Amino acid sequence: MSKQELASMLRRFVGDEPNYGDWEWDDFVSVNADLQLEPYRLRLLNDVHPYLGDEAKSAQVSATLREVIADLENEND
């Protein structure tokens, strides 16, 4: 998976793109990623995963996901 592919998966997760797979999120956060993506996986696991489904944290979750998407899209491979 490349940074662009991860950004696309996250855009599908937040609903900005269609065709989100039921297990994409779990597949990504459950297994160590390759070295270039592991920092993003850890950030998502720590800053997003515990709050999924928590209505009070939904704005924070969306903001964090969009920050990660922007970071992925703006970084050089």
N, C-alpha and C. Protein backbone atom coordinates (compact mmCIF):
# COMPACT_ATOMS: atom_id res chain seq x y z
N MET A 1 0.85 -1.17 0.00
CA MET A 1 0.00 0.00 0.00
C MET A 1 0.90 1.24 0.00
N SER A 2 0.58 2.18 -0.86
CA SER A 2 1.31 3.45 -0.92
C SER A 2 0.61 4.49 -0.06
N LYS A 3 1.24 5.62 0.11
CA LYS A 3 0.62 6.71 0.87
C LYS A 3 -0.65 7.19 0.19
N GLN A 4 -0.63 7.24 -1.13
CA GLN A 4 -1.82 7.66 -1.87
C GLN A 4 -2.96 6.66 -1.71
N GLU A 5 -2.63 5.37 -1.70
CA GLU A 5 -3.66 4.35 -1.49
C GLU A 5 -4.25 4.43 -0.09
N LEU A 6 -3.41 4.71 0.90
CA LEU A 6 -3.91 4.88 2.26
C LEU A 6 -4.80 6.11 2.34
N ALA A 7 -4.40 7.20 1.72
CA ALA A 7 -5.23 8.41 1.72
C ALA A 7 -6.58 8.13 1.08
N SER A 8 -6.58 7.38 -0.01
CA SER A 8 -7.84 7.02 -0.67
C SER A 8 -8.71 6.17 0.24
N MET A 9 -8.11 5.21 0.93
CA MET A 9 -8.87 4.36 1.86
C MET A 9 -9.49 5.22 2.96
N LEU A 10 -8.73 6.18 3.49
CA LEU A 10 -9.27 7.05 4.54
C LEU A 10 -10.37 7.95 4.01
N ARG A 11 -10.23 8.43 2.77
CA ARG A 11 -11.31 9.23 2.17
C ARG A 11 -12.58 8.39 2.02
N ARG A 12 -12.43 7.13 1.65
CA ARG A 12 -13.60 6.24 1.59
C ARG A 12 -14.19 6.04 2.98
N PHE A 13 -13.35 5.91 3.97
CA PHE A 13 -13.80 5.69 5.35
C PHE A 13 -14.63 6.87 5.85
N VAL A 14 -14.21 8.10 5.56
CA VAL A 14 -14.96 9.27 6.01
C VAL A 14 -16.10 9.64 5.07
N GLY A 15 -16.24 8.89 3.97
CA GLY A 15 -17.37 9.09 3.08
C GLY A 15 -17.14 10.04 1.94
N ASP A 16 -15.89 10.46 1.72
CA ASP A 16 -15.59 11.37 0.62
C ASP A 16 -15.46 10.64 -0.72
N GLU A 17 -15.28 9.33 -0.67
CA GLU A 17 -15.20 8.51 -1.88
C GLU A 17 -16.08 7.29 -1.67
N PRO A 18 -16.63 6.74 -2.75
CA PRO A 18 -17.50 5.56 -2.62
C PRO A 18 -16.70 4.26 -2.48
N ASN A 19 -17.43 3.19 -2.24
CA ASN A 19 -16.90 1.83 -2.26
C ASN A 19 -15.97 1.48 -1.12
N TYR A 20 -16.32 1.89 0.09
CA TYR A 20 -15.54 1.53 1.26
C TYR A 20 -15.75 0.06 1.58
N GLY A 21 -14.67 -0.68 1.77
CA GLY A 21 -14.75 -2.09 2.13
C GLY A 21 -15.02 -2.24 3.62
N ASP A 22 -15.85 -3.20 3.97
CA ASP A 22 -16.25 -3.40 5.37
C ASP A 22 -15.07 -3.59 6.31
N TRP A 23 -14.00 -4.19 5.86
CA TRP A 23 -12.90 -4.52 6.76
C TRP A 23 -11.63 -3.74 6.49
N GLU A 24 -11.68 -2.75 5.62
CA GLU A 24 -10.46 -2.00 5.28
C GLU A 24 -9.81 -1.37 6.51
N TRP A 25 -10.62 -0.71 7.33
CA TRP A 25 -10.08 -0.04 8.52
C TRP A 25 -9.42 -1.06 9.44
N ASP A 26 -10.15 -2.10 9.78
CA ASP A 26 -9.61 -3.11 10.69
C ASP A 26 -8.36 -3.77 10.12
N ASP A 27 -8.38 -4.06 8.83
CA ASP A 27 -7.21 -4.67 8.21
C ASP A 27 -5.99 -3.77 8.36
N PHE A 28 -6.17 -2.47 8.19
CA PHE A 28 -5.03 -1.56 8.25
C PHE A 28 -4.52 -1.38 9.68
N VAL A 29 -5.41 -1.12 10.64
CA VAL A 29 -4.95 -0.83 12.00
C VAL A 29 -4.53 -2.07 12.78
N SER A 30 -4.94 -3.26 12.33
CA SER A 30 -4.68 -4.48 13.10
C SER A 30 -3.31 -5.10 12.86
N VAL A 31 -2.67 -4.76 11.78
CA VAL A 31 -1.41 -5.39 11.42
C VAL A 31 -0.37 -4.30 11.15
N ASN A 32 0.85 -4.50 11.65
CA ASN A 32 1.90 -3.54 11.39
C ASN A 32 2.00 -3.26 9.89
N ALA A 33 2.14 -1.99 9.56
CA ALA A 33 2.27 -1.58 8.16
C ALA A 33 3.75 -1.54 7.78
N ASP A 34 4.00 -1.29 6.49
CA ASP A 34 5.40 -1.17 6.12
C ASP A 34 5.93 0.12 6.74
N LEU A 35 7.25 0.25 6.72
CA LEU A 35 7.90 1.32 7.48
C LEU A 35 7.39 2.72 7.16
N GLN A 36 7.09 3.00 5.90
CA GLN A 36 6.65 4.36 5.55
C GLN A 36 5.24 4.67 6.05
N LEU A 37 4.42 3.63 6.28
CA LEU A 37 3.04 3.84 6.71
C LEU A 37 2.81 3.57 8.19
N GLU A 38 3.76 2.94 8.86
CA GLU A 38 3.58 2.59 10.26
C GLU A 38 3.31 3.80 11.15
N PRO A 39 3.98 4.94 10.96
CA PRO A 39 3.65 6.09 11.81
C PRO A 39 2.19 6.54 11.65
N TYR A 40 1.65 6.44 10.44
CA TYR A 40 0.25 6.80 10.21
C TYR A 40 -0.68 5.79 10.88
N ARG A 41 -0.34 4.51 10.77
CA ARG A 41 -1.15 3.47 11.40
C ARG A 41 -1.21 3.68 12.91
N LEU A 42 -0.05 3.97 13.52
CA LEU A 42 -0.02 4.19 14.96
C LEU A 42 -0.81 5.43 15.36
N ARG A 43 -0.71 6.48 14.57
CA ARG A 43 -1.49 7.69 14.86
C ARG A 43 -2.99 7.39 14.79
N LEU A 44 -3.40 6.70 13.75
CA LEU A 44 -4.81 6.35 13.60
C LEU A 44 -5.28 5.44 14.73
N LEU A 45 -4.43 4.49 15.08
CA LEU A 45 -4.77 3.55 16.15
C LEU A 45 -4.93 4.26 17.50
N ASN A 46 -4.08 5.24 17.75
CA ASN A 46 -4.12 5.96 19.03
C ASN A 46 -5.11 7.11 19.07
N ASP A 47 -5.19 7.87 17.98
CA ASP A 47 -5.96 9.11 17.98
C ASP A 47 -7.36 8.99 17.40
N VAL A 48 -7.65 7.90 16.71
CA VAL A 48 -8.95 7.75 16.06
C VAL A 48 -9.69 6.49 16.54
N HIS A 49 -9.02 5.37 16.47
CA HIS A 49 -9.67 4.08 16.71
C HIS A 49 -10.47 4.01 18.02
N PRO A 50 -9.94 4.51 19.15
CA PRO A 50 -10.71 4.40 20.40
C PRO A 50 -12.01 5.21 20.40
N TYR A 51 -12.12 6.16 19.51
CA TYR A 51 -13.26 7.09 19.53
C TYR A 51 -14.29 6.83 18.43
N LEU A 52 -14.05 5.82 17.60
CA LEU A 52 -15.01 5.52 16.54
C LEU A 52 -16.36 5.15 17.17
N GLY A 53 -17.41 5.74 16.67
CA GLY A 53 -18.75 5.48 17.18
C GLY A 53 -19.14 6.35 18.35
N ASP A 54 -18.22 7.14 18.88
CA ASP A 54 -18.50 8.05 20.00
C ASP A 54 -18.98 9.38 19.40
N GLU A 55 -20.29 9.62 19.49
CA GLU A 55 -20.87 10.83 18.88
C GLU A 55 -20.21 12.11 19.39
N ALA A 56 -19.84 12.14 20.66
CA ALA A 56 -19.23 13.33 21.23
C ALA A 56 -17.85 13.61 20.63
N LYS A 57 -17.21 12.59 20.09
CA LYS A 57 -15.87 12.74 19.52
C LYS A 57 -15.86 12.72 18.00
N SER A 58 -17.03 12.70 17.36
CA SER A 58 -17.07 12.53 15.91
C SER A 58 -16.38 13.67 15.16
N ALA A 59 -16.50 14.91 15.63
CA ALA A 59 -15.83 16.02 14.96
C ALA A 59 -14.32 15.90 15.10
N GLN A 60 -13.87 15.48 16.27
CA GLN A 60 -12.44 15.28 16.50
C GLN A 60 -11.90 14.16 15.62
N VAL A 61 -12.64 13.07 15.52
CA VAL A 61 -12.25 11.94 14.68
C VAL A 61 -12.15 12.37 13.22
N SER A 62 -13.17 13.07 12.72
CA SER A 62 -13.15 13.53 11.33
C SER A 62 -11.99 14.47 11.08
N ALA A 63 -11.73 15.38 12.01
CA ALA A 63 -10.62 16.33 11.84
C ALA A 63 -9.28 15.60 11.80
N THR A 64 -9.10 14.64 12.68
CA THR A 64 -7.84 13.88 12.70
C THR A 64 -7.67 13.09 11.41
N LEU A 65 -8.74 12.43 10.95
CA LEU A 65 -8.65 11.69 9.70
C LEU A 65 -8.30 12.60 8.54
N ARG A 66 -8.91 13.76 8.48
CA ARG A 66 -8.62 14.69 7.38
C ARG A 66 -7.19 15.24 7.48
N GLU A 67 -6.67 15.42 8.69
CA GLU A 67 -5.27 15.85 8.85
C GLU A 67 -4.33 14.78 8.32
N VAL A 68 -4.61 13.52 8.65
CA VAL A 68 -3.77 12.42 8.17
C VAL A 68 -3.84 12.33 6.65
N ILE A 69 -5.02 12.47 6.09
CA ILE A 69 -5.16 12.45 4.62
C ILE A 69 -4.31 13.55 4.01
N ALA A 70 -4.40 14.76 4.55
CA ALA A 70 -3.61 15.88 4.02
C ALA A 70 -2.12 15.60 4.15
N ASP A 71 -1.70 15.07 5.29
CA ASP A 71 -0.28 14.73 5.48
C ASP A 71 0.18 13.72 4.43
N LEU A 72 -0.63 12.69 4.20
CA LEU A 72 -0.28 11.67 3.23
C LEU A 72 -0.18 12.25 1.81
N GLU A 73 -1.08 13.12 1.46
CA GLU A 73 -1.11 13.68 0.11
C GLU A 73 -0.05 14.73 -0.12
N ASN A 74 0.42 15.36 0.95
CA ASN A 74 1.41 16.42 0.81
C ASN A 74 2.85 15.96 0.98
N GLU A 75 3.05 14.75 1.47
CA GLU A 75 4.39 14.22 1.68
C GLU A 75 4.90 13.56 0.42
N ASN A 76 6.18 13.69 0.20
CA ASN A 76 6.80 12.98 -0.93
C ASN A 76 7.05 11.54 -0.52
N ASP A 77 6.89 10.63 -1.48
CA ASP A 77 7.19 9.20 -1.20
C ASP A 77 8.66 8.98 -1.05
